[in-house]
Amino acid sequence: MSLDPHDLARTVRTKDWTLRYYEAGSGHPVILLHGSGPGATGWSNFAGNIEALAENFHVYAVDMPGWGESDAATVDQLDHVDAAIQFMDAVGIEKAAFVGNSMGGQTSMRLATEHPDRISHLVTMGPPVGMIPTLFGAGGGPSEGLKVLIEAYRDASPENMRRLVEIMVYDKARFATPELCQARSDAALARPEHLENYVAGLPKGAPLPKWVKPELLPAIQVPTLLIHGRDDRVVSYENSLYLLARIPDSRLVVLNHCGHWAMIEHADEFNRLVTDFVAHN
């Protein structure tokens, strides 16, 4: 039976934020962190994963500040590592496995370098690393996918959401449905302050929470699983090759016929990989 997001939705007040999250299961805590796209939420990124992971773990999918049903935040206020620690403290989690897509992967890596006592496992899907030289990825500016993402923030119409979903996935016919594109548009437009804050931050560079310092990556000591789509047009899989070379206890799974949303396009395999990794490392 599929889980109903309304049954799983919770709200918690931390020191600085009111955060929406989705909770299911029991056992070792696993915190799922979404990416930075307009309309992204804990549920929209992980609806196909929460139920499967909750069979073995206590799963929390969080809307981070500036996204979803959580508090709005300007680019100057975005510190998702601090927000994640506040969330853990508020709901009583001492240590958790972190699973992060894109921006959420960046947050998880930074947390592993700054709060190593609060993280047990690190799983990333397509996290950007920064200005690293690449052979196959875009050079000299934002990737093709990031350009489309920024345009969708400026105009979160169903048509722009269709362009965004199409560039996020490999199988456009299956995933870029009119229903999904309309739902993403509706979700984004429901919180115009999130869109406005993101666009206002563009002149200051990528309006994302603080990035991990590449020189600190070798200090990550927790077991790390890197999952990346071979066909990712937002963040090249070379970013995960870079991480693999620098995070000591890491392994990399590259998926063919997979874009930026590995947890959506290959949900069953993703769920098996994460379950086995957290259970046996």
C-alpha atoms as a PDB file:
ATOM      1  CA  MET A   1       0.000   0.000   0.000  1.00  0.00           C
ATOM      2  CA  SER A   2       1.392   3.420  -0.941  1.00  0.00           C
ATOM      3  CA  LEU A   3       1.926   5.877   1.859  1.00  0.00           C
ATOM      4  CA  ASP A   4      -0.134   9.072   1.998  1.00  0.00           C
ATOM      5  CA  PRO A   5       1.983  12.221   2.450  1.00  0.00           C
ATOM      6  CA  HIS A   6      -0.723  13.778   4.611  1.00  0.00           C
ATOM      7  CA  ASP A   7      -0.374  10.901   7.080  1.00  0.00           C
ATOM      8  CA  LEU A   8       3.392  11.303   7.247  1.00  0.00           C
ATOM      9  CA  ALA A   9       3.609  15.113   7.367  1.00  0.00           C
ATOM     10  CA  ARG A  10       4.895  16.664  10.575  1.00  0.00           C
ATOM     11  CA  THR A  11       5.955  20.171  11.629  1.00  0.00           C
ATOM     12  CA  VAL A  12       8.663  20.977  14.142  1.00  0.00           C
ATOM     13  CA  ARG A  13       9.924  24.240  15.577  1.00  0.00           C
ATOM     14  CA  THR A  14      13.704  24.389  15.887  1.00  0.00           C
ATOM     15  CA  LYS A  15      15.770  27.202  17.390  1.00  0.00           C
ATOM     16  CA  ASP A  16      15.472  29.303  14.242  1.00  0.00           C
ATOM     17  CA  TRP A  17      13.027  27.575  11.890  1.00  0.00           C
ATOM     18  CA  THR A  18       9.637  25.997  11.504  1.00  0.00           C
ATOM     19  CA  LEU A  19      10.270  22.941   9.313  1.00  0.00           C
ATOM     20  CA  ARG A  20       7.961  20.527   7.510  1.00  0.00           C
ATOM     21  CA  TYR A  21       9.100  16.914   7.315  1.00  0.00           C
ATOM     22  CA  TYR A  22       7.751  13.471   6.468  1.00  0.00           C
ATOM     23  CA  GLU A  23       8.347  10.589   8.885  1.00  0.00           C
ATOM     24  CA  ALA A  24       7.923   6.826   8.571  1.00  0.00           C
ATOM     25  CA  GLY A  25       9.362   3.585   9.923  1.00  0.00           C
ATOM     26  CA  SER A  26      11.535   2.730  12.901  1.00  0.00           C
ATOM     27  CA  GLY A  27      15.136   1.793  13.556  1.00  0.00           C
ATOM     28  CA  HIS A  28      18.320   3.633  12.656  1.00  0.00           C
ATOM     29  CA  PRO A  29      17.530   7.234  11.582  1.00  0.00           C
ATOM     30  CA  VAL A  30      17.920   8.079   7.879  1.00  0.00           C
ATOM     31  CA  ILE A  31      17.518  11.748   6.903  1.00  0.00           C
ATOM     32  CA  LEU A  32      16.676  12.501   3.261  1.00  0.00           C
ATOM     33  CA  LEU A  33      17.641  15.937   1.895  1.00  0.00           C
ATOM     34  CA  HIS A  34      16.163  17.218  -1.369  1.00  0.00           C
ATOM     35  CA  GLY A  35      17.744  19.218  -4.180  1.00  0.00           C
ATOM     36  CA  SER A  36      17.423  22.893  -5.060  1.00  0.00           C
ATOM     37  CA  GLY A  37      14.850  22.927  -7.869  1.00  0.00           C
ATOM     38  CA  PRO A  38      11.735  25.105  -7.686  1.00  0.00           C
ATOM     39  CA  GLY A  39       8.933  23.149  -6.062  1.00  0.00           C
ATOM     40  CA  ALA A  40      11.366  20.615  -4.553  1.00  0.00           C
ATOM     41  CA  THR A  41      10.307  19.137  -1.225  1.00  0.00           C
ATOM     42  CA  GLY A  42      11.145  16.132   0.898  1.00  0.00           C
ATOM     43  CA  TRP A  43       8.101  14.396  -0.538  1.00  0.00           C
ATOM     44  CA  SER A  44       8.521  15.359  -4.219  1.00  0.00           C
ATOM     45  CA  ASN A  45      12.126  14.144  -4.245  1.00  0.00           C
ATOM     46  CA  PHE A  46      11.631  10.968  -2.217  1.00  0.00           C
ATOM     47  CA  ALA A  47       8.017   9.812  -2.611  1.00  0.00           C
ATOM     48  CA  GLY A  48       9.277   6.642  -4.319  1.00  0.00           C
ATOM     49  CA  ASN A  49      11.809   5.851  -1.591  1.00  0.00           C
ATOM     50  CA  ILE A  50      10.301   6.590   1.813  1.00  0.00           C
ATOM     51  CA  GLU A  51       8.103   3.496   2.039  1.00  0.00           C
ATOM     52  CA  ALA A  52      10.838   1.071   0.949  1.00  0.00           C
ATOM     53  CA  LEU A  53      13.472   2.580   3.240  1.00  0.00           C
ATOM     54  CA  ALA A  54      11.010   2.713   6.144  1.00  0.00           C
ATOM     55  CA  GLU A  55      10.831  -1.089   6.112  1.00  0.00           C
ATOM     56  CA  ASN A  56      14.272  -1.067   7.749  1.00  0.00           C
ATOM     57  CA  PHE A  57      14.926   2.447   9.037  1.00  0.00           C
ATOM     58  CA  HIS A  58      13.345   5.460  10.721  1.00  0.00           C
ATOM     59  CA  VAL A  59      13.061   7.815   7.762  1.00  0.00           C
ATOM     60  CA  TYR A  60      12.795  11.609   7.845  1.00  0.00           C
ATOM     61  CA  ALA A  61      12.403  13.578   4.590  1.00  0.00           C
ATOM     62  CA  VAL A  62      12.828  17.263   5.427  1.00  0.00           C
ATOM     63  CA  ASP A  63      11.767  20.438   3.605  1.00  0.00           C
ATOM     64  CA  MET A  64      14.808  22.612   4.193  1.00  0.00           C
ATOM     65  CA  PRO A  65      14.547  26.378   4.885  1.00  0.00           C
ATOM     66  CA  GLY A  66      13.709  28.167   1.646  1.00  0.00           C
ATOM     67  CA  TRP A  67      11.871  25.190   0.146  1.00  0.00           C
ATOM     68  CA  GLY A  68       8.523  23.443   0.426  1.00  0.00           C
ATOM     69  CA  GLU A  69       6.359  24.100   3.468  1.00  0.00           C
ATOM     70  CA  SER A  70       9.259  25.205   5.657  1.00  0.00           C
ATOM     71  CA  ASP A  71      10.111  28.802   6.514  1.00  0.00           C
ATOM     72  CA  ALA A  72      11.289  31.147   3.793  1.00  0.00           C
ATOM     73  CA  ALA A  73      14.961  32.148   3.832  1.00  0.00           C
ATOM     74  CA  THR A  74      17.047  34.677   1.962  1.00  0.00           C
ATOM     75  CA  VAL A  75      20.311  33.565   0.400  1.00  0.00           C
ATOM     76  CA  ASP A  76      22.195  35.206   3.273  1.00  0.00           C
ATOM     77  CA  GLN A  77      20.288  33.048   5.770  1.00  0.00           C
ATOM     78  CA  LEU A  78      20.875  29.728   4.002  1.00  0.00           C
ATOM     79  CA  ASP A  79      22.930  27.417   6.192  1.00  0.00           C
ATOM     80  CA  HIS A  80      21.363  24.003   5.735  1.00  0.00           C
ATOM     81  CA  VAL A  81      23.978  22.236   7.855  1.00  0.00           C
ATOM     82  CA  ASP A  82      22.991  24.326  10.844  1.00  0.00           C
ATOM     83  CA  ALA A  83      19.314  23.783   9.985  1.00  0.00           C
ATOM     84  CA  ALA A  84      19.859  20.006   9.796  1.00  0.00           C
ATOM     85  CA  ILE A  85      21.561  19.951  13.204  1.00  0.00           C
ATOM     86  CA  GLN A  86      18.735  22.049  14.644  1.00  0.00           C
ATOM     87  CA  PHE A  87      16.248  19.573  13.172  1.00  0.00           C
ATOM     88  CA  MET A  88      18.068  16.609  14.713  1.00  0.00           C
ATOM     89  CA  ASP A  89      18.161  18.296  18.100  1.00  0.00           C
ATOM     90  CA  ALA A  90      14.466  19.209  17.929  1.00  0.00           C
ATOM     91  CA  VAL A  91      13.260  15.676  17.112  1.00  0.00           C
ATOM     92  CA  GLY A  92      15.803  13.914  19.338  1.00  0.00           C
ATOM     93  CA  ILE A  93      18.208  12.329  16.826  1.00  0.00           C
ATOM     94  CA  GLU A  94      21.774  11.889  18.043  1.00  0.00           C
ATOM     95  CA  LYS A  95      23.260  10.372  14.868  1.00  0.00           C
ATOM     96  CA  ALA A  96      21.775   9.570  11.452  1.00  0.00           C
ATOM     97  CA  ALA A  97      22.580   8.386   7.970  1.00  0.00           C
ATOM     98  CA  PHE A  98      22.272  11.288   5.525  1.00  0.00           C
ATOM     99  CA  VAL A  99      21.004  10.765   1.975  1.00  0.00           C
ATOM    100  CA  GLY A 100      21.211  13.893  -0.175  1.00  0.00           C
ATOM    101  CA  ASN A 101      20.333  14.693  -3.764  1.00  0.00           C
ATOM    102  CA  SER A 102      22.284  17.524  -5.446  1.00  0.00           C
ATOM    103  CA  MET A 103      22.116  20.442  -2.992  1.00  0.00           C
ATOM    104  CA  GLY A 104      21.149  17.956  -0.292  1.00  0.00           C
ATOM    105  CA  GLY A 105      24.295  15.990  -1.091  1.00  0.00           C
ATOM    106  CA  GLN A 106      26.378  19.120  -0.651  1.00  0.00           C
ATOM    107  CA  THR A 107      24.738  19.746   2.715  1.00  0.00           C
ATOM    108  CA  SER A 108      25.381  16.146   3.781  1.00  0.00           C
ATOM    109  CA  MET A 109      29.069  16.307   2.804  1.00  0.00           C
ATOM    110  CA  ARG A 110      29.550  19.563   4.672  1.00  0.00           C
ATOM    111  CA  LEU A 111      27.825  18.121   7.719  1.00  0.00           C
ATOM    112  CA  ALA A 112      30.200  15.150   7.599  1.00  0.00           C
ATOM    113  CA  THR A 113      33.195  17.515   7.770  1.00  0.00           C
ATOM    114  CA  GLU A 114      31.784  19.868  10.427  1.00  0.00           C
ATOM    115  CA  HIS A 115      29.763  17.507  12.631  1.00  0.00           C
ATOM    116  CA  PRO A 116      31.318  14.048  12.192  1.00  0.00           C
ATOM    117  CA  ASP A 117      29.772  12.872  15.468  1.00  0.00           C
ATOM    118  CA  ARG A 118      26.231  13.366  14.096  1.00  0.00           C
ATOM    119  CA  ILE A 119      26.478  11.308  10.883  1.00  0.00           C
ATOM    120  CA  SER A 120      26.775   7.511  10.545  1.00  0.00           C
ATOM    121  CA  HIS A 121      26.613   7.091   6.736  1.00  0.00           C
ATOM    122  CA  LEU A 122      26.817   9.455   3.765  1.00  0.00           C
ATOM    123  CA  VAL A 123      24.896   8.827   0.534  1.00  0.00           C
ATOM    124  CA  THR A 124      24.931  11.369  -2.292  1.00  0.00           C
ATOM    125  CA  MET A 125      23.200  11.574  -5.670  1.00  0.00           C
ATOM    126  CA  GLY A 126      24.639  14.099  -8.096  1.00  0.00           C
ATOM    127  CA  PRO A 127      26.083  16.693  -5.698  1.00  0.00           C
ATOM    128  CA  PRO A 128      27.957  19.638  -7.219  1.00  0.00           C
ATOM    129  CA  VAL A 129      31.508  19.971  -5.953  1.00  0.00           C
ATOM    130  CA  GLY A 130      32.424  23.438  -7.185  1.00  0.00           C
ATOM    131  CA  MET A 131      34.765  24.824  -9.810  1.00  0.00           C
ATOM    132  CA  ILE A 132      36.636  21.649 -10.674  1.00  0.00           C
ATOM    133  CA  PRO A 133      38.074  21.039 -14.151  1.00  0.00           C
ATOM    134  CA  THR A 134      36.047  18.478 -16.117  1.00  0.00           C
ATOM    135  CA  LEU A 135      36.594  16.644 -19.387  1.00  0.00           C
ATOM    136  CA  PHE A 136      32.967  15.817 -20.093  1.00  0.00           C
ATOM    137  CA  GLY A 137      30.929  18.307 -18.081  1.00  0.00           C
ATOM    138  CA  ALA A 138      30.073  21.881 -18.991  1.00  0.00           C
ATOM    139  CA  GLY A 139      32.831  24.451 -18.706  1.00  0.00           C
ATOM    140  CA  GLY A 140      32.878  28.219 -18.367  1.00  0.00           C
ATOM    141  CA  GLY A 141      29.639  28.632 -16.458  1.00  0.00           C
ATOM    142  CA  PRO A 142      26.448  26.901 -15.323  1.00  0.00           C
ATOM    143  CA  SER A 143      25.544  23.578 -16.873  1.00  0.00           C
ATOM    144  CA  GLU A 144      22.689  23.234 -19.327  1.00  0.00           C
ATOM    145  CA  GLY A 145      20.498  21.890 -16.540  1.00  0.00           C
ATOM    146  CA  LEU A 146      21.289  24.674 -14.092  1.00  0.00           C
ATOM    147  CA  LYS A 147      20.409  27.274 -16.722  1.00  0.00           C
ATOM    148  CA  VAL A 148      16.983  25.686 -17.162  1.00  0.00           C
ATOM    149  CA  LEU A 149      16.560  25.447 -13.375  1.00  0.00           C
ATOM    150  CA  ILE A 150      17.256  29.163 -12.964  1.00  0.00           C
ATOM    151  CA  GLU A 151      14.774  30.009 -15.713  1.00  0.00           C
ATOM    152  CA  ALA A 152      12.126  27.916 -13.931  1.00  0.00           C
ATOM    153  CA  TYR A 153      12.733  29.960 -10.786  1.00  0.00           C
ATOM    154  CA  ARG A 154      12.153  33.154 -12.754  1.00  0.00           C
ATOM    155  CA  ASP A 155       8.968  31.728 -14.310  1.00  0.00           C
ATOM    156  CA  ALA A 156       7.578  28.590 -12.662  1.00  0.00           C
ATOM    157  CA  SER A 157       5.010  27.937 -15.388  1.00  0.00           C
ATOM    158  CA  PRO A 158       4.021  24.354 -16.294  1.00  0.00           C
ATOM    159  CA  GLU A 159       5.905  24.788 -19.585  1.00  0.00           C
ATOM    160  CA  ASN A 160       9.130  25.755 -17.841  1.00  0.00           C
ATOM    161  CA  MET A 161       8.617  22.934 -15.364  1.00  0.00           C
ATOM    162  CA  ARG A 162       8.310  20.553 -18.305  1.00  0.00           C
ATOM    163  CA  ARG A 163      11.667  21.785 -19.610  1.00  0.00           C
ATOM    164  CA  LEU A 164      13.135  21.385 -16.120  1.00  0.00           C
ATOM    165  CA  VAL A 165      11.843  17.836 -15.585  1.00  0.00           C
ATOM    166  CA  GLU A 166      12.971  16.829 -19.084  1.00  0.00           C
ATOM    167  CA  ILE A 167      16.521  17.925 -18.372  1.00  0.00           C
ATOM    168  CA  MET A 168      16.531  16.291 -14.932  1.00  0.00           C
ATOM    169  CA  VAL A 169      15.731  12.815 -16.246  1.00  0.00           C
ATOM    170  CA  TYR A 170      16.896  10.487 -19.018  1.00  0.00           C
ATOM    171  CA  ASP A 171      13.480   8.972 -19.822  1.00  0.00           C
ATOM    172  CA  LYS A 172      11.431  12.046 -20.722  1.00  0.00           C
ATOM    173  CA  ALA A 173       8.420  10.109 -21.989  1.00  0.00           C
ATOM    174  CA  ARG A 174       8.001   8.292 -18.687  1.00  0.00           C
ATOM    175  CA  PHE A 175       8.730  11.039 -16.194  1.00  0.00           C
ATOM    176  CA  ALA A 176       7.971  14.430 -17.812  1.00  0.00           C
ATOM    177  CA  THR A 177       4.220  13.901 -17.702  1.00  0.00           C
ATOM    178  CA  PRO A 178       1.788  16.849 -17.878  1.00  0.00           C
ATOM    179  CA  GLU A 179       0.505  15.873 -14.421  1.00  0.00           C
ATOM    180  CA  LEU A 180       3.962  15.980 -12.839  1.00  0.00           C
ATOM    181  CA  CYS A 181       4.894  19.255 -14.529  1.00  0.00           C
ATOM    182  CA  GLN A 182       1.635  20.882 -13.412  1.00  0.00           C
ATOM    183  CA  ALA A 183       2.135  19.585  -9.861  1.00  0.00           C
ATOM    184  CA  ARG A 184       5.691  20.967  -9.715  1.00  0.00           C
ATOM    185  CA  SER A 185       4.468  24.308 -11.051  1.00  0.00           C
ATOM    186  CA  ASP A 186       1.628  24.449  -8.513  1.00  0.00           C
ATOM    187  CA  ALA A 187       3.998  23.575  -5.660  1.00  0.00           C
ATOM    188  CA  ALA A 188       6.491  26.261  -6.666  1.00  0.00           C
ATOM    189  CA  LEU A 189       3.873  28.971  -7.196  1.00  0.00           C
ATOM    190  CA  ALA A 190       2.262  28.160  -3.839  1.00  0.00           C
ATOM    191  CA  ARG A 191       5.330  29.667  -2.126  1.00  0.00           C
ATOM    192  CA  PRO A 192       6.298  32.701  -4.254  1.00  0.00           C
ATOM    193  CA  GLU A 193       8.582  33.967  -1.499  1.00  0.00           C
ATOM    194  CA  HIS A 194      10.841  30.947  -2.066  1.00  0.00           C
ATOM    195  CA  LEU A 195      11.099  31.792  -5.771  1.00  0.00           C
ATOM    196  CA  GLU A 196      11.724  35.476  -5.089  1.00  0.00           C
ATOM    197  CA  ASN A 197      14.445  34.786  -2.522  1.00  0.00           C
ATOM    198  CA  TYR A 198      16.255  32.420  -4.901  1.00  0.00           C
ATOM    199  CA  VAL A 199      16.169  34.881  -7.806  1.00  0.00           C
ATOM    200  CA  ALA A 200      17.263  37.741  -5.517  1.00  0.00           C
ATOM    201  CA  GLY A 201      20.334  35.693  -4.602  1.00  0.00           C
ATOM    202  CA  LEU A 202      21.465  35.096  -8.188  1.00  0.00           C
ATOM    203  CA  PRO A 203      23.686  38.239  -8.420  1.00  0.00           C
ATOM    204  CA  LYS A 204      25.651  36.864  -5.444  1.00  0.00           C
ATOM    205  CA  GLY A 205      26.478  33.633  -7.260  1.00  0.00           C
ATOM    206  CA  ALA A 206      24.764  30.266  -6.962  1.00  0.00           C
ATOM    207  CA  PRO A 207      21.989  30.915  -4.402  1.00  0.00           C
ATOM    208  CA  LEU A 208      22.641  27.748  -2.472  1.00  0.00           C
ATOM    209  CA  PRO A 209      23.655  27.012   1.118  1.00  0.00           C
ATOM    210  CA  LYS A 210      27.364  27.109   1.898  1.00  0.00           C
ATOM    211  CA  TRP A 211      29.482  24.539   0.045  1.00  0.00           C
ATOM    212  CA  VAL A 212      31.886  22.021   1.485  1.00  0.00           C
ATOM    213  CA  LYS A 213      35.544  22.971   1.145  1.00  0.00           C
ATOM    214  CA  PRO A 214      37.158  20.442  -1.248  1.00  0.00           C
ATOM    215  CA  GLU A 215      40.308  20.281   0.855  1.00  0.00           C
ATOM    216  CA  LEU A 216      38.221  18.907   3.744  1.00  0.00           C
ATOM    217  CA  LEU A 217      36.827  15.938   1.787  1.00  0.00           C
ATOM    218  CA  PRO A 218      39.641  13.558   2.893  1.00  0.00           C
ATOM    219  CA  ALA A 219      38.534  14.202   6.486  1.00  0.00           C
ATOM    220  CA  ILE A 220      35.195  12.466   5.871  1.00  0.00           C
ATOM    221  CA  GLN A 221      35.582   9.159   7.706  1.00  0.00           C
ATOM    222  CA  VAL A 222      32.059   7.700   7.536  1.00  0.00           C
ATOM    223  CA  PRO A 223      31.142   5.032   4.969  1.00  0.00           C
ATOM    224  CA  THR A 224      30.149   6.895   1.812  1.00  0.00           C
ATOM    225  CA  LEU A 225      28.056   5.776  -1.156  1.00  0.00           C
ATOM    226  CA  LEU A 226      28.137   7.966  -4.263  1.00  0.00           C
ATOM    227  CA  ILE A 227      25.322   7.374  -6.774  1.00  0.00           C
ATOM    228  CA  HIS A 228      25.350   9.278 -10.050  1.00  0.00           C
ATOM    229  CA  GLY A 229      23.504   9.169 -13.352  1.00  0.00           C
ATOM    230  CA  ARG A 230      25.742   8.691 -16.392  1.00  0.00           C
ATOM    231  CA  ASP A 231      23.379  10.981 -18.320  1.00  0.00           C
ATOM    232  CA  ASP A 232      23.176  13.749 -15.704  1.00  0.00           C
ATOM    233  CA  ARG A 233      22.937  17.098 -17.558  1.00  0.00           C
ATOM    234  CA  VAL A 234      22.795  19.176 -14.385  1.00  0.00           C
ATOM    235  CA  VAL A 235      25.896  17.943 -12.514  1.00  0.00           C
ATOM    236  CA  SER A 236      28.367  15.824 -14.477  1.00  0.00           C
ATOM    237  CA  TYR A 237      29.216  12.406 -13.040  1.00  0.00           C
ATOM    238  CA  GLU A 238      32.820  13.636 -13.020  1.00  0.00           C
ATOM    239  CA  ASN A 239      31.931  15.413  -9.781  1.00  0.00           C
ATOM    240  CA  SER A 240      31.394  12.033  -8.127  1.00  0.00           C
ATOM    241  CA  LEU A 241      34.639  10.696  -9.623  1.00  0.00           C
ATOM    242  CA  TYR A 242      36.341  13.646  -7.943  1.00  0.00           C
ATOM    243  CA  LEU A 243      34.656  12.749  -4.642  1.00  0.00           C
ATOM    244  CA  LEU A 244      35.578   9.081  -5.005  1.00  0.00           C
ATOM    245  CA  ALA A 245      39.250  10.030  -5.297  1.00  0.00           C
ATOM    246  CA  ARG A 246      39.142  12.127  -2.117  1.00  0.00           C
ATOM    247  CA  ILE A 247      36.731  10.534   0.370  1.00  0.00           C
ATOM    248  CA  PRO A 248      38.647   7.604   1.901  1.00  0.00           C
ATOM    249  CA  ASP A 249      35.828   5.122   2.644  1.00  0.00           C
ATOM    250  CA  SER A 250      33.777   5.714  -0.502  1.00  0.00           C
ATOM    251  CA  ARG A 251      32.399   3.706  -3.381  1.00  0.00           C
ATOM    252  CA  LEU A 252      30.685   4.903  -6.573  1.00  0.00           C
ATOM    253  CA  VAL A 253      27.727   3.512  -8.521  1.00  0.00           C
ATOM    254  CA  VAL A 254      27.215   5.090 -11.965  1.00  0.00           C
ATOM    255  CA  LEU A 255      23.849   4.322 -13.548  1.00  0.00           C
ATOM    256  CA  ASN A 256      23.318   4.334 -17.307  1.00  0.00           C
ATOM    257  CA  HIS A 257      20.060   5.740 -18.670  1.00  0.00           C
ATOM    258  CA  CYS A 258      19.850   7.960 -15.604  1.00  0.00           C
ATOM    259  CA  GLY A 259      19.809  11.723 -15.211  1.00  0.00           C
ATOM    260  CA  HIS A 260      20.006  13.921 -12.118  1.00  0.00           C
ATOM    261  CA  TRP A 261      17.217  12.168 -10.202  1.00  0.00           C
ATOM    262  CA  ALA A 262      18.626   8.684  -9.592  1.00  0.00           C
ATOM    263  CA  MET A 263      16.247   8.109  -6.670  1.00  0.00           C
ATOM    264  CA  ILE A 264      13.272   8.754  -8.979  1.00  0.00           C
ATOM    265  CA  GLU A 265      14.362   7.210 -12.274  1.00  0.00           C
ATOM    266  CA  HIS A 266      15.839   4.063 -10.707  1.00  0.00           C
ATOM    267  CA  ALA A 267      13.871   3.995  -7.468  1.00  0.00           C
ATOM    268  CA  ASP A 268      13.891   0.228  -6.895  1.00  0.00           C
ATOM    269  CA  GLU A 269      17.639  -0.110  -7.441  1.00  0.00           C
ATOM    270  CA  PHE A 270      18.301   3.034  -5.435  1.00  0.00           C
ATOM    271  CA  ASN A 271      16.261   1.686  -2.514  1.00  0.00           C
ATOM    272  CA  ARG A 272      18.115  -1.626  -2.598  1.00  0.00           C
ATOM    273  CA  LEU A 273      21.507   0.095  -2.751  1.00  0.00           C
ATOM    274  CA  VAL A 274      20.806   2.421   0.162  1.00  0.00           C
ATOM    275  CA  THR A 275      19.185  -0.262   2.309  1.00  0.00           C
ATOM    276  CA  ASP A 276      22.085  -2.673   1.833  1.00  0.00           C
ATOM    277  CA  PHE A 277      24.699   0.034   2.314  1.00  0.00           C
ATOM    278  CA  VAL A 278      23.299   1.430   5.570  1.00  0.00           C
ATOM    279  CA  ALA A 279      22.487  -2.014   6.959  1.00  0.00           C
ATOM    280  CA  HIS A 280      25.899  -3.564   6.269  1.00  0.00           C
ATOM    281  CA  ASN A 281      28.428  -0.754   6.727  1.00  0.00           C
END
